């Protein structure tokens, strides 16, 4: 269940960013780019699984907000949502180069571990001897300039290699971890952020597939705090094997980047896990290499990507959820402070000749040649039997003349009777 709570509507059809609330015990699935005012996660926010056939950004989730709170018991989960294993060649970064390889030779043929920041573990024959050339995937990504910063999908973990079992059967390797990117003026992490690679599942007829690699977690905040139980994890998945037959390789660890304005963080290093998948059956070469947890200094986040940081943490963007509002914008007649100068619809000439901006809309301007309301007709006042004319309010010129005539006639009749 998801609660998307509207926080008001702006003029000219531009809606304010909504709140996202994931209730305790609930599950919500999202993928791609999203802007919210406040995000509160009490249950589980699932990242949509990568599907190569769908161009909708699945496999990653990037959220920009003013405030993000992951409560204790809450989680944003991209485990196994990255590059996918399959019955054929496993998927991986760089046209599959990051995926674990499938062994050649007689059955059974195991698969190597998926890669990410580091190399995946190799697959081995029984007795922990290399006999299949089923290597782990090739390392990619950069902890100084993560691929997910520019193109989130590029930061997914690669899948473990497919295993070829007896009787013509294949077993898919573990899927790689997906990508989570959170940017906000304030982030409170009391729960979990997860982008682990999947373990290889035990397959029929001695299928020994590789584990998936961990994905990417990037957190950028003006202000960040973490609870004692807060946890970030982008671990590699474990390969499957049997020491008497064959051993699949394990996936490598992924990448976690925490950037906070001022550089200080409250997340202990031990609460950020980027461990490669464990060695299979004690064979050291099958272990995936560990990934990296990196902290750094961040500028105030720019959630809407308009080049202006959030004013809530010393930036100059008065609405970091609307890319059309920042100090570089021109003011329009729309009831909105477009240029963040604290004034609305204040620029001259917003509506062109003959028009004026009023309450966010262009309306005809008053005629500059209009001298104002016409002078009021005379008001008739009778006093002492005499007819007197005074200027004042009345029913108009024609009506006033008619009334004057009637009153003069009545007065003359009274004088005639005397």
Protein backbone atom coordinates (compact mmCIF):
# COMPACT_ATOMS: atom_id res chain seq x y z
CA UNK A 1 0.00 0.00 0.00
CA UNK A 2 1.27 3.47 -0.84
CA UNK A 3 -0.02 6.83 0.25
CA UNK A 4 0.72 9.66 -2.15
CA UNK A 5 -0.50 12.72 -0.31
CA UNK A 6 -0.88 15.87 -2.40
CA UNK A 7 0.44 18.95 -0.67
CA UNK A 8 -1.38 21.55 -2.74
CA UNK A 9 -1.65 22.74 -6.34
CA UNK A 10 0.05 25.71 -7.94
CA UNK A 11 -1.45 27.99 -10.52
CA UNK A 12 -1.13 27.27 -14.24
CA UNK A 13 -1.55 23.54 -13.63
CA UNK A 14 1.82 22.95 -11.97
CA UNK A 15 1.33 20.59 -9.04
CA UNK A 16 3.43 20.66 -5.93
CA UNK A 17 5.51 17.57 -5.15
CA UNK A 18 3.61 14.93 -3.22
CA UNK A 19 4.56 13.09 -0.06
CA UNK A 20 5.41 9.39 -0.24
CA UNK A 21 4.41 7.26 2.76
CA UNK A 22 5.09 3.51 2.86
CA UNK A 23 3.15 2.22 5.89
CA UNK A 24 4.46 -0.38 8.32
CA UNK A 25 3.92 -3.88 6.91
CA UNK A 26 3.26 -2.47 3.43
CA UNK A 27 5.21 -2.88 0.19
CA UNK A 28 5.55 -0.35 -2.61
CA UNK A 29 7.42 -0.83 -5.89
CA UNK A 30 9.01 2.09 -7.76
CA UNK A 31 11.61 2.47 -10.46
CA UNK A 32 13.23 5.41 -12.22
CA UNK A 33 13.27 9.07 -11.19
CA UNK A 34 10.88 10.52 -8.59
CA UNK A 35 10.56 13.84 -6.74
CA UNK A 36 8.71 14.05 -3.43
CA UNK A 37 8.39 16.68 -0.73
CA UNK A 38 8.79 14.23 2.15
CA UNK A 39 9.43 10.48 2.02
CA UNK A 40 8.60 8.31 5.03
CA UNK A 41 9.36 4.58 4.76
CA UNK A 42 8.02 2.37 7.57
CA UNK A 43 7.51 -0.76 5.44
CA UNK A 44 9.44 -1.81 2.32
CA UNK A 45 10.06 0.32 -0.75
CA UNK A 46 11.06 -2.15 -3.48
CA UNK A 47 13.09 -1.14 -6.51
CA UNK A 48 11.53 -2.41 -9.73
CA UNK A 49 13.45 -5.36 -11.19
CA UNK A 50 15.55 -4.74 -14.28
CA UNK A 51 13.96 -5.91 -17.51
CA UNK A 52 16.07 -5.50 -20.61
CA UNK A 53 12.97 -5.40 -22.79
CA UNK A 54 11.45 -2.47 -20.91
CA UNK A 55 12.89 1.05 -21.38
CA UNK A 56 11.30 2.38 -18.18
CA UNK A 57 14.39 2.56 -15.99
CA UNK A 58 13.76 -0.62 -14.01
CA UNK A 59 16.68 -1.83 -11.93
CA UNK A 60 17.27 1.54 -10.29
CA UNK A 61 15.45 4.11 -8.18
CA UNK A 62 16.52 7.72 -7.77
CA UNK A 63 14.58 9.91 -5.33
CA UNK A 64 14.98 13.64 -4.78
CA UNK A 65 13.19 15.20 -1.81
CA UNK A 66 13.30 17.85 0.88
CA UNK A 67 13.24 15.21 3.63
CA UNK A 68 13.70 11.40 3.57
CA UNK A 69 13.10 9.28 6.67
CA UNK A 70 13.71 5.51 6.66
CA UNK A 71 12.29 4.42 10.00
CA UNK A 72 13.47 1.47 12.09
CA UNK A 73 11.90 -1.58 10.45
CA UNK A 74 11.68 0.22 7.12
CA UNK A 75 13.79 -0.57 4.07
CA UNK A 76 14.54 0.51 0.53
CA UNK A 77 15.40 -2.77 -1.16
CA UNK A 78 17.14 -3.30 -4.53
CA UNK A 79 18.43 -6.80 -3.73
CA UNK A 80 18.64 -8.87 -6.92
CA UNK A 81 17.03 -6.08 -8.99
CA UNK A 82 20.01 -5.47 -11.28
CA UNK A 83 21.44 -7.43 -14.26
CA UNK A 84 19.78 -10.82 -14.48
CA UNK A 85 20.96 -14.36 -14.82
CA UNK A 86 19.22 -16.60 -17.33
CA UNK A 87 19.17 -19.85 -19.25
CA UNK A 88 21.61 -18.44 -21.79
CA UNK A 89 24.47 -16.02 -21.23
CA UNK A 90 24.08 -14.01 -18.03
CA UNK A 91 23.49 -10.27 -18.28
CA UNK A 92 26.18 -7.83 -17.23
CA UNK A 93 27.69 -4.42 -17.71
CA UNK A 94 29.48 -3.62 -20.98
CA UNK A 95 27.54 -6.09 -23.12
CA UNK A 96 27.89 -8.87 -20.60
CA UNK A 97 31.60 -8.44 -19.78
CA UNK A 98 30.73 -7.97 -16.11
CA UNK A 99 28.76 -11.21 -15.88
CA UNK A 100 30.19 -14.51 -14.72
CA UNK A 101 31.19 -16.85 -17.54
CA UNK A 102 29.85 -20.33 -18.18
CA UNK A 103 32.36 -23.16 -18.26
CA UNK A 104 33.09 -25.20 -21.35
CA UNK A 105 33.77 -28.91 -21.37
CA UNK A 106 31.99 -31.97 -20.00
CA UNK A 107 29.04 -31.81 -17.62
CA UNK A 108 28.49 -30.38 -15.14
CA UNK A 109 29.71 -26.90 -16.12
CA UNK A 110 29.56 -24.23 -13.39
CA UNK A 111 29.36 -20.44 -13.76
CA UNK A 112 31.65 -17.69 -12.48
CA UNK A 113 30.57 -14.91 -10.14
CA UNK A 114 29.22 -11.56 -11.31
CA UNK A 115 31.38 -8.43 -11.07
CA UNK A 116 30.89 -4.80 -10.19
CA UNK A 117 33.52 -2.53 -8.64
CA UNK A 118 35.77 -5.59 -8.34
CA UNK A 119 36.07 -8.96 -10.07
CA UNK A 120 33.72 -11.88 -9.43
CA UNK A 121 34.97 -15.22 -8.11
CA UNK A 122 36.03 -17.94 -10.56
CA UNK A 123 34.30 -21.30 -10.98
CA UNK A 124 36.27 -24.47 -10.18
CA UNK A 125 36.24 -28.16 -10.85
CA UNK A 126 35.93 -30.59 -7.97
CA UNK A 127 38.88 -30.50 -5.63
CA UNK A 128 39.22 -26.74 -6.17
CA UNK A 129 41.13 -27.02 -9.43
CA UNK A 130 40.64 -24.74 -12.41
CA UNK A 131 39.41 -26.87 -15.24
CA UNK A 132 36.62 -24.98 -16.98
CA UNK A 133 37.88 -21.44 -17.65
CA UNK A 134 34.66 -20.22 -16.09
CA UNK A 135 36.06 -16.96 -14.77
CA UNK A 136 34.30 -14.33 -12.76
CA UNK A 137 33.06 -11.21 -14.53
CA UNK A 138 35.37 -8.28 -15.31
CA UNK A 139 35.41 -5.36 -12.85
CA UNK A 140 34.01 -1.97 -13.81
CA UNK A 141 32.83 1.25 -12.11
CA UNK A 142 34.84 3.83 -10.15
CA UNK A 143 34.40 4.71 -6.49
CA UNK A 144 35.58 8.28 -7.17
CA UNK A 145 33.19 8.86 -10.06
CA UNK A 146 30.48 6.18 -9.75
CA UNK A 147 28.69 5.26 -12.95
CA UNK A 148 25.36 5.61 -11.16
CA UNK A 149 25.98 9.34 -10.61
CA UNK A 150 25.49 10.03 -14.30
CA UNK A 151 23.45 7.05 -15.51
CA UNK A 152 21.94 5.05 -12.63
CA UNK A 153 21.36 1.85 -14.58
CA UNK A 154 25.10 1.62 -15.29
CA UNK A 155 25.74 1.08 -11.59
CA UNK A 156 23.82 -2.20 -11.32
CA UNK A 157 25.62 -5.36 -10.24
CA UNK A 158 26.20 -8.01 -12.92
CA UNK A 159 24.68 -11.49 -12.78
CA UNK A 160 26.42 -14.74 -11.93
CA UNK A 161 27.29 -17.13 -14.74
CA UNK A 162 24.80 -19.73 -15.96
CA UNK A 163 25.47 -23.36 -15.04
CA UNK A 164 25.07 -26.14 -17.57
CA UNK A 165 23.73 -29.21 -15.81
CA UNK A 166 23.31 -32.76 -17.02
CA UNK A 167 20.39 -33.83 -19.21
CA UNK A 168 20.55 -30.58 -21.19
CA UNK A 169 19.34 -28.43 -18.29
CA UNK A 170 20.69 -25.00 -17.39
CA UNK A 171 20.56 -23.13 -14.10
CA UNK A 172 20.51 -19.30 -13.99
CA UNK A 173 23.08 -17.49 -11.91
CA UNK A 174 22.12 -15.06 -9.17
CA UNK A 175 20.84 -11.65 -10.23
CA UNK A 176 22.96 -8.57 -9.52
CA UNK A 177 21.93 -5.87 -7.06
CA UNK A 178 20.11 -2.79 -8.28
CA UNK A 179 20.74 0.91 -7.65
CA UNK A 180 19.41 3.26 -4.95
CA UNK A 181 20.14 6.99 -5.14
CA UNK A 182 18.72 9.28 -2.42
CA UNK A 183 19.23 13.05 -2.48
CA UNK A 184 17.63 15.41 0.03
CA UNK A 185 18.28 18.40 2.26
CA UNK A 186 17.72 16.10 5.25
CA UNK A 187 17.98 12.30 5.43
CA UNK A 188 17.33 10.22 8.54
CA UNK A 189 18.32 6.54 8.26
CA UNK A 190 17.12 4.28 11.05
CA UNK A 191 16.29 1.28 8.85
CA UNK A 192 18.04 -0.35 5.87
CA UNK A 193 19.20 0.41 2.34
CA UNK A 194 19.85 -2.86 0.47
CA UNK A 195 21.38 -3.52 -2.96
CA UNK A 196 22.78 -7.03 -2.50
CA UNK A 197 23.41 -9.54 -5.27
CA UNK A 198 21.40 -12.77 -5.13
CA UNK A 199 22.91 -16.11 -4.18
CA UNK A 200 22.90 -18.76 -6.86
CA UNK A 201 20.00 -21.14 -6.25
CA UNK A 202 20.68 -24.87 -6.02
CA UNK A 203 19.79 -26.37 -9.39
CA UNK A 204 18.65 -29.78 -10.57
CA UNK A 205 21.11 -32.38 -11.78
CA UNK A 206 24.23 -30.67 -10.42
CA UNK A 207 23.71 -27.12 -11.65
CA UNK A 208 26.41 -24.94 -10.03
CA UNK A 209 25.76 -21.34 -11.00
CA UNK A 210 27.57 -18.15 -9.96
CA UNK A 211 26.37 -15.50 -7.49
CA UNK A 212 25.29 -12.00 -8.49
CA UNK A 213 27.34 -8.89 -7.68
CA UNK A 214 26.28 -6.16 -5.28
CA UNK A 215 24.79 -2.99 -6.77
CA UNK A 216 25.13 0.69 -5.82
CA UNK A 217 23.81 2.87 -2.99
CA UNK A 218 24.41 6.63 -3.17
CA UNK A 219 23.19 8.95 -0.42
CA UNK A 220 23.63 12.72 -0.68
CA UNK A 221 22.32 14.98 2.08
CA UNK A 222 22.71 18.44 3.48
CA UNK A 223 22.04 16.93 6.89
CA UNK A 224 22.35 13.19 7.61
CA UNK A 225 21.77 11.14 10.74
CA UNK A 226 21.71 7.38 11.33
CA UNK A 227 20.24 5.29 14.11
CA UNK A 228 22.10 2.54 15.94
CA UNK A 229 20.46 -0.14 13.77
CA UNK A 230 20.87 1.69 10.46
CA UNK A 231 22.42 -0.49 7.77
CA UNK A 232 23.52 -0.13 4.15
CA UNK A 233 24.46 -3.30 2.26
CA UNK A 234 25.61 -4.01 -1.30
CA UNK A 235 27.11 -7.47 -0.78
CA UNK A 236 27.86 -10.06 -3.43
CA UNK A 237 25.80 -13.25 -3.66
CA UNK A 238 27.28 -16.67 -3.03
CA UNK A 239 27.86 -19.23 -5.79
CA UNK A 240 26.53 -22.77 -5.52
CA UNK A 241 28.77 -25.84 -5.53
CA UNK A 242 29.63 -29.35 -4.47
CA UNK A 243 33.25 -30.15 -3.67
CA UNK A 244 32.83 -33.56 -5.29
CA UNK A 245 31.56 -32.16 -8.59
CA UNK A 246 32.02 -28.43 -9.30
CA UNK A 247 31.96 -25.00 -7.66
CA UNK A 248 30.27 -21.86 -8.94
CA UNK A 249 31.96 -18.50 -8.28
CA UNK A 250 30.54 -15.83 -5.94
CA UNK A 251 29.68 -12.25 -6.90
CA UNK A 252 31.80 -9.24 -5.97
CA UNK A 253 30.76 -6.57 -3.52
CA UNK A 254 29.20 -3.37 -4.79
CA UNK A 255 29.58 0.31 -4.02
CA UNK A 256 28.19 2.52 -1.25
CA UNK A 257 28.79 6.28 -1.36
CA UNK A 258 27.69 8.61 1.44
CA UNK A 259 28.15 12.33 0.81
CA UNK A 260 27.14 14.88 3.42
CA UNK A 261 27.48 18.64 3.47
CA UNK A 262 30.37 19.46 5.80
CA UNK A 263 31.74 15.93 5.41
CA UNK A 264 30.60 14.53 8.76
CA UNK A 265 28.56 11.31 8.84
CA UNK A 266 26.99 9.31 11.64
CA UNK A 267 27.02 5.92 9.91
CA UNK A 268 29.73 3.64 11.37
CA UNK A 269 31.85 1.84 8.80
CA UNK A 270 30.74 -1.53 10.15
CA UNK A 271 27.13 -0.62 9.32
CA UNK A 272 28.00 -0.33 5.62
CA UNK A 273 28.63 -3.74 4.02
CA UNK A 274 30.16 -4.28 0.58
CA UNK A 275 31.50 -7.81 1.09
CA UNK A 276 32.10 -10.15 -1.83
CA UNK A 277 30.21 -13.45 -1.84
CA UNK A 278 31.81 -16.07 0.39
CA UNK A 279 34.15 -18.80 -0.84
CA UNK A 280 32.29 -21.92 -1.98
CA UNK A 281 33.14 -25.14 -0.16
CA UNK A 282 36.26 -23.49 1.23
CA UNK A 283 37.82 -22.88 -2.19
CA UNK A 284 39.37 -19.39 -1.88
CA UNK A 285 39.36 -18.63 -5.60
CA UNK A 286 35.60 -18.77 -5.75
CA UNK A 287 35.18 -15.80 -3.40
CA UNK A 288 34.02 -12.54 -4.95
CA UNK A 289 36.23 -9.53 -4.24
CA UNK A 290 35.01 -6.94 -1.75
CA UNK A 291 33.54 -3.66 -2.93
CA UNK A 292 33.95 -0.17 -1.45
CA UNK A 293 32.23 2.05 1.11
CA UNK A 294 33.22 5.64 0.47
CA UNK A 295 32.33 8.83 2.34
CA UNK A 296 32.85 12.33 1.11
CA UNK A 297 31.94 15.97 1.18
CA UNK A 298 28.77 17.01 -0.60
CA UNK A 299 27.45 20.30 -1.74
CA UNK A 300 23.87 20.97 -0.76
CA UNK A 301 21.84 18.50 -2.89
CA UNK A 302 20.20 19.62 -6.11
CA UNK A 303 17.25 17.22 -6.19
CA UNK A 304 15.56 18.63 -9.30
CA UNK A 305 18.81 18.88 -11.28
CA UNK A 306 18.37 22.52 -12.30
CA UNK A 307 21.86 23.58 -11.22
CA UNK A 308 20.69 25.31 -8.02
CA UNK A 309 20.98 23.65 -4.61
CA UNK A 310 18.26 23.43 -1.98
CA UNK A 311 17.80 26.61 0.05
CA UNK A 312 17.09 24.42 3.11
CA UNK A 313 20.82 23.73 3.35
CA UNK A 314 22.44 26.97 2.23
CA UNK A 315 21.60 26.72 -1.44
CA UNK A 316 19.60 29.33 -3.39
CA UNK A 317 16.76 27.19 -4.84
CA UNK A 318 13.48 28.14 -3.16
CA UNK A 319 11.82 24.96 -4.54
CA UNK A 320 14.29 22.13 -5.13
CA UNK A 321 11.47 19.90 -6.39
CA UNK A 322 10.57 22.09 -9.38
CA UNK A 323 13.27 22.58 -12.05
CA UNK A 324 11.31 25.55 -13.39
CA UNK A 325 11.81 27.52 -10.17
CA UNK A 326 15.29 28.88 -9.39
CA UNK A 327 17.19 32.18 -9.47
CA UNK A 328 18.01 31.67 -13.13
CA UNK A 329 14.39 31.54 -14.30
CA UNK A 330 12.45 34.43 -15.84
CA UNK A 331 9.31 35.48 -14.03
CA UNK A 332 6.01 34.48 -15.69
CA UNK A 333 2.40 35.39 -15.01
CA UNK A 334 1.43 32.22 -13.17
CA UNK A 335 1.01 33.02 -9.48
CA UNK A 336 4.46 31.50 -8.75
CA UNK A 337 7.73 33.04 -7.63
CA UNK A 338 9.66 31.64 -10.60
CA UNK A 339 12.96 33.44 -9.96
CA UNK A 340 13.06 32.85 -6.17
CA UNK A 341 13.29 36.56 -5.29
CA UNK A 342 10.45 36.31 -2.76
CA UNK A 343 7.98 38.10 -5.06
CA UNK A 344 5.29 36.71 -7.34
CA UNK A 345 4.49 37.95 -10.87
CA UNK A 346 6.61 41.05 -10.22
CA UNK A 347 8.44 41.51 -13.54
CA UNK A 348 7.18 44.26 -15.90
CA UNK A 349 5.57 43.43 -19.22
CA UNK A 350 4.64 39.84 -18.36
CA UNK A 351 1.50 39.84 -20.53
CA UNK A 352 2.24 42.17 -23.44
CA UNK A 353 0.49 45.31 -24.67
CA UNK A 354 -3.01 45.94 -23.42
CA UNK A 355 -2.85 43.14 -20.86
CA UNK A 356 -2.06 42.98 -17.15
CA UNK A 357 -1.12 40.11 -14.81
CA UNK A 358 -3.71 39.59 -12.10
CA UNK A 359 -3.77 36.62 -9.72
CA UNK A 360 -1.61 34.50 -12.01
CA UNK A 361 -3.54 35.19 -15.23
CA UNK A 362 -3.25 37.74 -18.04
CA UNK A 363 -6.37 39.91 -18.27
CA UNK A 364 -7.25 43.04 -20.32
CA UNK A 365 -5.71 46.13 -18.76
CA UNK A 366 -7.88 49.19 -17.92
CA UNK A 367 -8.08 51.73 -20.81
CA UNK A 368 -5.40 54.33 -20.19
CA UNK A 369 -7.58 57.03 -21.91
CA UNK A 370 -10.59 56.49 -19.65
CA UNK A 371 -11.14 59.62 -17.58
CA UNK A 372 -13.00 57.70 -14.94
CA UNK A 373 -16.72 57.54 -14.13
CA UNK A 374 -19.03 60.16 -15.68
CA UNK A 375 -20.14 63.11 -13.57
CA UNK A 376 -23.36 62.44 -11.67
CA UNK A 377 -26.53 64.21 -12.87
CA UNK A 378 -28.05 67.02 -10.78
CA UNK A 379 -30.08 66.17 -7.70
CA UNK A 380 -33.37 68.03 -7.20
CA UNK A 381 -34.05 69.45 -3.75
CA UNK A 382 -37.38 71.19 -2.96
CA UNK A 383 -37.28 73.75 -0.20
CA UNK A 384 -39.64 76.58 0.84
CA UNK A 385 -41.81 76.01 -2.21
CA UNK A 386 -38.91 76.96 -4.43
CA UNK A 387 -37.15 74.62 -6.86
CA UNK A 388 -33.44 74.26 -6.27
CA UNK A 389 -30.95 72.20 -8.23
CA UNK A 390 -27.85 70.67 -6.55
CA UNK A 391 -25.26 68.33 -7.97
CA UNK A 392 -25.32 64.83 -6.50
CA UNK A 393 -26.33 61.25 -7.12
CA UNK A 394 -29.26 60.57 -9.38
CA UNK A 395 -30.73 58.23 -11.96
CA UNK A 396 -28.82 59.67 -14.92
CA UNK A 397 -29.19 62.73 -17.13
CA UNK A 398 -32.39 61.72 -18.95
CA UNK A 399 -34.07 60.52 -15.78
CA UNK A 400 -32.99 63.70 -13.97
CA UNK A 401 -34.52 65.99 -16.61
CA UNK A 402 -37.79 64.07 -16.53
CA UNK A 403 -37.93 64.27 -12.75
CA UNK A 404 -37.15 68.01 -12.92
CA UNK A 405 -40.04 68.57 -15.32
CA UNK A 406 -42.52 66.68 -13.17
CA UNK A 407 -41.54 68.54 -10.04
CA UNK A 408 -41.76 71.95 -11.76
CA UNK A 409 -45.22 71.09 -13.08
CA UNK A 410 -46.41 70.00 -9.63
CA UNK A 411 -45.03 73.20 -8.08
CA UNK A 412 -46.77 75.35 -10.67
CA UNK A 413 -50.14 73.63 -10.01
CA UNK A 414 -49.82 74.42 -6.31
CA UNK A 415 -49.15 78.07 -7.07
CA UNK A 416 -52.14 78.15 -9.48
CA UNK A 417 -54.53 76.82 -6.76
CA UNK A 418 -53.50 79.66 -4.46
